[in-house]
Amino acid sequence: MVNRPTATDPLDALNPELDGIIKNLEKVVVGKRNVMEHLITALLAGGHVLLDDVPGVGKTTIAKTLAESVDLTYRRIQCTPDLLPTDITGVTIFHPGTHQFEFQPGPVFAHLVLADEINRTSPRTQSALLEVMEEGQVTVDGVSHRLAQPFVVIATQNPIEYEGTFPLPESQLDRFLFRLNIGYPTVDEETTILARAEARESQPVPVVMDRGRLLELMAETRAVHVSQGIRRYMAEIAYATRHSARIYLGMSPRSTLALYRATQAWALLHSRDYVIPDDVIALAPTVVEHRLILSRSTAAPSPDMVHEVFSEILRSIPVPGPER
């Protein structure tokens, strides 16, 4: 087994540039460092994130602050049952004065898009957004419009309230690199939140990285080395989920590739140009679990049960040595 790096291990040191983004986020968001690291990892990997949590825990704040920290254009879409696909993608309008049609871009034409309460909009509108996430372009009236890079969607949904919602089907959940829970703050963290509210600290966060540098880091992410042993380790995890009696639908090749890209970005975040087994272990649950469907014979197919089943699979597979 490979020992997980300790706090003093150089493998645990974050990339100074990317750590600057986290320090920026910490000026606005109290705690939740693991969530911040996952969001930056998704940004580097060009992946999308589903924040599955109750209202009021800072989902919107952390998404907006991330965009401001890296000088990205930011748009928020409030998903409602009457939201139309064109309300997201845009529409072609005829101008009588010029006798020409002109495309009016929708809110999806931004670097970071927050789709708030995505499960409250209709399946047709969900599909329009998720198609854009997959293709990186919008096609209206037969004309394709490419989205600027980077393009990341952070979608939120409330896991408690189901009335009047349209749950995302598995094929659409598969479009998200991570599914994360922010969770409630601890007593100490909430005390700090209240102290900040009393001090009325609402200063805008500074830009700590420009978009050009972010694109360079995204290119560096693709060059992070993944050894043959770790590639096989990922493949064995995927194979095990497909042949488990407790799982009806296992990992697709797309999810294996998502895990591969995520570990490359996680390694770069932690100042490495190579992936170690602990990167796979750290990220596999948030990459894989929302893509799995348990078999009907498995009792109480809840997120906790999915986590338990997948954790057992992960523990059953031998971890490769520290090969580079």
Protein backbone atom coordinates (compact mmCIF):
# COMPACT_ATOMS: atom_id res chain seq x y z
CA MET A 1 0.00 0.00 0.00
CA VAL A 2 1.08 3.57 -0.67
CA ASN A 3 1.01 5.78 2.38
CA ARG A 4 -0.99 8.97 2.05
CA PRO A 5 1.21 12.09 2.20
CA THR A 6 1.33 13.84 5.56
CA ALA A 7 0.95 17.58 6.08
CA THR A 8 4.72 17.95 6.05
CA ASP A 9 5.27 15.82 2.96
CA PRO A 10 6.39 17.89 -0.05
CA LEU A 11 3.84 15.98 -2.12
CA ASP A 12 1.15 17.76 -0.10
CA ALA A 13 2.30 21.29 -1.01
CA LEU A 14 -0.07 23.12 -3.32
CA ASN A 15 1.01 24.88 -6.48
CA PRO A 16 1.70 28.47 -5.28
CA GLU A 17 -0.31 30.08 -8.09
CA LEU A 18 -3.33 27.87 -7.50
CA ASP A 19 -3.00 28.16 -3.74
CA GLY A 20 -3.39 31.91 -4.30
CA ILE A 21 -6.87 31.26 -5.69
CA ILE A 22 -7.77 29.23 -2.61
CA LYS A 23 -6.53 31.99 -0.30
CA ASN A 24 -8.71 34.41 -2.27
CA LEU A 25 -11.72 32.15 -1.81
CA GLU A 26 -11.02 31.89 1.90
CA LYS A 27 -11.52 35.65 2.21
CA VAL A 28 -15.18 35.10 1.37
CA VAL A 29 -15.92 31.45 2.20
CA VAL A 30 -15.12 30.05 5.64
CA GLY A 31 -13.71 26.51 5.64
CA LYS A 32 -14.62 24.10 2.81
CA ARG A 33 -11.03 23.87 1.57
CA ASN A 34 -11.61 20.41 0.10
CA VAL A 35 -14.50 21.79 -1.99
CA MET A 36 -12.29 24.65 -3.17
CA GLU A 37 -9.56 22.23 -4.25
CA HIS A 38 -12.10 20.15 -6.16
CA LEU A 39 -13.48 23.22 -7.94
CA ILE A 40 -10.00 24.33 -9.03
CA THR A 41 -9.30 20.77 -10.17
CA ALA A 42 -12.46 20.86 -12.29
CA LEU A 43 -11.39 24.20 -13.75
CA LEU A 44 -7.98 22.80 -14.72
CA ALA A 45 -9.52 19.65 -16.19
CA GLY A 46 -12.24 21.56 -18.06
CA GLY A 47 -14.94 19.62 -16.21
CA HIS A 48 -18.31 20.57 -14.78
CA VAL A 49 -19.45 20.30 -11.17
CA LEU A 50 -22.75 19.40 -9.52
CA LEU A 51 -23.13 20.89 -6.03
CA ASP A 52 -25.76 18.75 -4.33
CA ASP A 53 -26.60 20.53 -1.08
CA VAL A 54 -29.22 22.41 0.90
CA PRO A 55 -29.80 26.16 0.41
CA GLY A 56 -27.71 28.73 2.24
CA VAL A 57 -24.36 26.94 2.54
CA GLY A 58 -22.46 29.19 0.12
CA LYS A 59 -22.81 27.49 -3.27
CA THR A 60 -23.44 30.72 -5.18
CA THR A 61 -20.82 32.67 -3.23
CA ILE A 62 -18.02 30.19 -3.89
CA ALA A 63 -18.84 29.97 -7.62
CA LYS A 64 -18.94 33.74 -8.09
CA THR A 65 -15.75 34.29 -6.08
CA LEU A 66 -13.93 31.64 -8.11
CA ALA A 67 -14.85 33.46 -11.33
CA GLU A 68 -13.72 36.81 -9.92
CA SER A 69 -10.41 35.37 -8.72
CA VAL A 70 -9.42 34.23 -12.21
CA ASP A 71 -11.02 37.12 -14.12
CA LEU A 72 -13.63 34.90 -15.78
CA THR A 73 -16.95 36.14 -17.09
CA TYR A 74 -19.71 34.87 -14.80
CA ARG A 75 -23.42 34.35 -15.39
CA ARG A 76 -26.04 32.91 -13.11
CA ILE A 77 -29.11 31.09 -14.43
CA GLN A 78 -32.00 30.66 -12.01
CA CYS A 79 -33.63 27.45 -13.19
CA THR A 80 -37.43 27.44 -13.00
CA PRO A 81 -40.12 25.19 -14.55
CA ASP A 82 -40.97 27.82 -17.20
CA LEU A 83 -37.35 28.36 -18.32
CA LEU A 84 -36.98 27.69 -22.06
CA PRO A 85 -33.90 26.29 -23.85
CA THR A 86 -33.51 29.59 -25.71
CA ASP A 87 -33.41 31.40 -22.35
CA ILE A 88 -30.11 29.59 -21.83
CA THR A 89 -28.57 29.24 -25.27
CA GLY A 90 -29.79 32.43 -26.96
CA VAL A 91 -32.07 33.23 -29.87
CA THR A 92 -31.93 34.67 -33.39
CA ILE A 93 -33.84 37.95 -33.70
CA PHE A 94 -34.96 39.71 -36.88
CA HIS A 95 -34.20 43.44 -37.00
CA PRO A 96 -36.73 45.28 -39.23
CA GLY A 97 -34.39 48.25 -39.70
CA THR A 98 -31.55 46.21 -41.19
CA HIS A 99 -33.71 43.36 -42.53
CA GLN A 100 -31.19 40.92 -41.04
CA PHE A 101 -31.24 38.20 -38.45
CA GLU A 102 -28.88 38.61 -35.51
CA PHE A 103 -27.98 36.04 -32.89
CA GLN A 104 -28.44 37.22 -29.31
CA PRO A 105 -26.22 35.05 -27.06
CA GLY A 106 -27.80 33.58 -23.95
CA PRO A 107 -26.28 33.46 -20.45
CA VAL A 108 -24.43 30.24 -21.30
CA PHE A 109 -21.91 32.38 -23.21
CA ALA A 110 -19.67 32.94 -20.21
CA HIS A 111 -16.57 31.28 -18.83
CA LEU A 112 -18.24 30.15 -15.61
CA VAL A 113 -21.98 29.54 -15.54
CA LEU A 114 -23.90 28.84 -12.34
CA ALA A 115 -27.09 26.88 -13.04
CA ASP A 116 -28.94 27.30 -9.77
CA GLU A 117 -31.41 24.53 -8.87
CA ILE A 118 -30.96 22.74 -12.18
CA ASN A 119 -33.48 20.07 -11.18
CA ARG A 120 -36.27 22.68 -11.09
CA THR A 121 -36.25 23.25 -14.84
CA SER A 122 -37.84 20.97 -17.42
CA PRO A 123 -36.00 17.99 -18.96
CA ARG A 124 -36.02 19.77 -22.33
CA THR A 125 -34.17 22.78 -20.89
CA GLN A 126 -31.85 20.55 -18.87
CA SER A 127 -30.94 18.73 -22.06
CA ALA A 128 -30.18 21.99 -23.86
CA LEU A 129 -27.74 23.02 -21.13
CA LEU A 130 -26.13 19.61 -20.84
CA GLU A 131 -25.69 19.41 -24.62
CA VAL A 132 -23.76 22.67 -24.47
CA MET A 133 -21.65 21.24 -21.65
CA GLU A 134 -20.74 18.23 -23.76
CA GLU A 135 -20.22 19.92 -27.13
CA GLY A 136 -18.80 23.29 -26.05
CA GLN A 137 -20.95 25.04 -28.62
CA VAL A 138 -24.49 26.28 -29.26
CA THR A 139 -26.32 25.60 -32.52
CA VAL A 140 -29.24 27.89 -33.32
CA ASP A 141 -31.04 27.88 -36.70
CA GLY A 142 -28.34 25.66 -38.16
CA VAL A 143 -25.48 27.96 -37.18
CA SER A 144 -22.94 26.79 -34.59
CA HIS A 145 -21.46 29.24 -32.11
CA ARG A 146 -18.36 28.14 -30.20
CA LEU A 147 -18.07 28.98 -26.51
CA ALA A 148 -15.03 30.79 -25.19
CA GLN A 149 -12.56 28.75 -23.16
CA PRO A 150 -12.45 27.89 -20.37
CA PHE A 151 -16.10 26.94 -20.05
CA VAL A 152 -17.28 25.41 -16.79
CA VAL A 153 -20.80 24.88 -15.49
CA ILE A 154 -21.42 24.67 -11.76
CA ALA A 155 -24.94 23.35 -11.24
CA THR A 156 -26.72 23.18 -7.90
CA GLN A 157 -29.62 21.16 -6.65
CA ASN A 158 -31.37 20.69 -3.32
CA PRO A 159 -31.30 17.00 -2.30
CA ILE A 160 -34.03 17.49 0.32
CA GLU A 161 -36.90 19.11 -1.58
CA TYR A 162 -38.30 17.01 -4.42
CA GLU A 163 -41.73 18.59 -5.01
CA GLY A 164 -41.90 20.26 -8.42
CA THR A 165 -38.47 19.01 -9.51
CA PHE A 166 -37.19 17.02 -12.48
CA PRO A 167 -34.32 14.80 -11.26
CA LEU A 168 -31.38 14.54 -13.62
CA PRO A 169 -31.25 11.15 -15.38
CA GLU A 170 -28.08 9.09 -15.25
CA SER A 171 -27.03 10.03 -18.79
CA GLN A 172 -27.01 13.69 -17.76
CA LEU A 173 -25.37 13.12 -14.39
CA ASP A 174 -22.56 11.51 -16.39
CA ARG A 175 -21.73 14.96 -17.85
CA PHE A 176 -20.49 16.19 -14.46
CA LEU A 177 -16.88 15.59 -13.51
CA PHE A 178 -17.60 15.91 -9.77
CA ARG A 179 -20.62 15.69 -7.54
CA LEU A 180 -19.84 17.55 -4.32
CA ASN A 181 -21.47 18.37 -1.01
CA ILE A 182 -20.45 21.59 0.71
CA GLY A 183 -22.08 20.70 4.02
CA TYR A 184 -22.90 22.81 7.04
CA PRO A 185 -20.10 24.76 8.77
CA THR A 186 -18.63 23.68 12.07
CA VAL A 187 -19.33 25.71 15.21
CA ASP A 188 -16.00 27.53 14.87
CA GLU A 189 -16.58 28.22 11.18
CA GLU A 190 -20.09 29.57 11.79
CA THR A 191 -18.78 31.78 14.58
CA THR A 192 -16.31 33.27 12.09
CA ILE A 193 -19.14 33.79 9.58
CA LEU A 194 -21.12 35.73 12.18
CA ALA A 195 -18.06 37.80 13.12
CA ARG A 196 -17.53 38.73 9.47
CA ALA A 197 -21.19 39.67 9.14
CA GLU A 198 -20.93 41.95 12.18
CA ALA A 199 -17.78 43.56 10.75
CA ARG A 200 -19.60 43.96 7.42
CA GLU A 201 -16.63 42.60 5.51
CA SER A 202 -17.84 42.64 1.90
CA GLN A 203 -14.82 43.87 0.00
CA PRO A 204 -14.44 42.59 -3.59
CA VAL A 205 -11.77 39.93 -4.01
CA PRO A 206 -8.78 40.79 -6.19
CA VAL A 207 -7.90 38.99 -9.42
CA VAL A 208 -5.00 36.64 -8.62
CA MET A 209 -4.63 34.97 -12.03
CA ASP A 210 -5.56 36.08 -15.53
CA ARG A 211 -7.39 33.87 -18.00
CA GLY A 212 -4.31 33.46 -20.21
CA ARG A 213 -2.33 31.92 -17.39
CA LEU A 214 -5.24 29.64 -16.50
CA LEU A 215 -5.34 28.36 -20.09
CA GLU A 216 -1.59 27.67 -19.87
CA LEU A 217 -2.10 25.66 -16.69
CA MET A 218 -4.95 23.74 -18.34
CA ALA A 219 -2.55 22.80 -21.14
CA GLU A 220 0.07 21.75 -18.57
CA THR A 221 -2.55 19.56 -16.92
CA ARG A 222 -2.86 17.42 -20.05
CA ALA A 223 0.91 16.86 -19.96
CA VAL A 224 0.95 15.45 -16.40
CA HIS A 225 2.38 11.92 -16.55
CA VAL A 226 0.18 8.93 -15.68
CA SER A 227 2.11 5.67 -15.43
CA GLN A 228 0.99 2.40 -16.97
CA GLY A 229 0.41 0.96 -13.48
CA ILE A 230 -1.96 3.76 -12.49
CA ARG A 231 -3.79 3.60 -15.81
CA ARG A 232 -4.36 -0.09 -15.22
CA TYR A 233 -5.44 0.66 -11.63
CA MET A 234 -8.17 2.96 -12.96
CA ALA A 235 -9.22 0.36 -15.52
CA GLU A 236 -9.45 -2.30 -12.79
CA ILE A 237 -11.68 -0.02 -10.71
CA ALA A 238 -13.96 0.47 -13.71
CA TYR A 239 -14.01 -3.27 -14.46
CA ALA A 240 -14.90 -4.08 -10.85
CA THR A 241 -17.90 -1.72 -10.87
CA ARG A 242 -19.20 -3.34 -14.07
CA HIS A 243 -19.00 -6.85 -12.64
CA SER A 244 -20.21 -6.26 -9.09
CA ALA A 245 -23.42 -8.08 -8.18
CA ARG A 246 -24.45 -5.03 -6.15
CA ILE A 247 -24.17 -2.59 -9.06
CA TYR A 248 -26.60 -2.52 -11.99
CA LEU A 249 -24.79 0.18 -14.01
CA GLY A 250 -21.05 0.55 -13.54
CA MET A 251 -18.47 3.03 -14.79
CA SER A 252 -18.55 3.94 -18.48
CA PRO A 253 -15.34 4.59 -20.43
CA ARG A 254 -16.29 8.28 -20.22
CA SER A 255 -16.17 8.12 -16.42
CA THR A 256 -12.80 6.34 -16.49
CA LEU A 257 -11.46 9.10 -18.74
CA ALA A 258 -12.97 11.69 -16.38
CA LEU A 259 -11.10 10.11 -13.48
CA TYR A 260 -7.92 10.16 -15.56
CA ARG A 261 -8.25 13.88 -16.38
CA ALA A 262 -9.21 14.74 -12.80
CA THR A 263 -6.14 13.02 -11.33
CA GLN A 264 -3.89 14.91 -13.76
CA ALA A 265 -5.37 18.22 -12.58
CA TRP A 266 -5.21 17.15 -8.91
CA ALA A 267 -1.52 16.30 -9.32
CA LEU A 268 -0.79 19.70 -10.89
CA LEU A 269 -2.68 21.40 -8.05
CA HIS A 270 -0.38 19.58 -5.63
CA SER A 271 2.80 20.69 -7.43
CA ARG A 272 3.49 17.42 -9.23
CA ASP A 273 3.94 16.56 -12.90
CA TYR A 274 2.96 12.94 -12.31
CA VAL A 275 -0.03 11.13 -10.78
CA ILE A 276 0.28 8.94 -7.70
CA PRO A 277 -2.19 6.27 -6.51
CA ASP A 278 -3.39 8.52 -3.70
CA ASP A 279 -4.70 10.95 -6.33
CA VAL A 280 -6.96 8.21 -7.65
CA ILE A 281 -8.09 7.23 -4.16
CA ALA A 282 -8.81 10.85 -3.22
CA LEU A 283 -10.89 11.65 -6.30
CA ALA A 284 -12.57 8.39 -7.26
CA PRO A 285 -15.62 8.79 -4.96
CA THR A 286 -16.53 12.28 -6.18
CA VAL A 287 -15.92 11.33 -9.82
CA VAL A 288 -17.55 7.91 -9.87
CA GLU A 289 -20.31 7.51 -7.30
CA HIS A 290 -22.94 9.73 -8.96
CA ARG A 291 -22.53 7.67 -12.15
CA LEU A 292 -23.35 4.31 -10.54
CA ILE A 293 -26.75 2.64 -10.25
CA LEU A 294 -27.13 -0.05 -7.62
CA SER A 295 -28.92 -3.29 -8.42
CA ARG A 296 -32.44 -3.82 -7.14
CA SER A 297 -31.22 -6.52 -4.80
CA THR A 298 -29.15 -3.95 -2.88
CA ALA A 299 -31.06 -2.62 0.11
CA ALA A 300 -31.74 1.12 0.46
CA PRO A 301 -30.09 2.42 -2.75
CA SER A 302 -29.23 5.82 -1.22
CA PRO A 303 -26.11 7.96 -1.79
CA ASP A 304 -24.71 6.58 1.47
CA MET A 305 -25.22 3.03 0.22
CA VAL A 306 -23.56 3.87 -3.11
CA HIS A 307 -20.59 5.25 -1.18
CA GLU A 308 -20.40 2.11 0.95
CA VAL A 309 -20.52 -0.22 -2.07
CA PHE A 310 -17.94 1.75 -4.03
CA SER A 311 -15.64 2.06 -1.00
CA GLU A 312 -15.65 -1.73 -0.66
CA ILE A 313 -14.70 -2.08 -4.33
CA LEU A 314 -11.93 0.49 -3.97
CA ARG A 315 -10.50 -1.33 -0.94
CA SER A 316 -10.57 -4.68 -2.74
CA ILE A 317 -8.27 -3.59 -5.59
CA PRO A 318 -4.51 -3.73 -4.97
CA VAL A 319 -2.93 -0.26 -5.03
CA PRO A 320 0.05 -0.01 -7.37
CA GLY A 321 3.45 0.97 -6.05
CA PRO A 322 4.97 4.46 -6.44
CA GLU A 323 5.92 3.92 -10.08
CA ARG A 324 6.56 6.97 -12.27
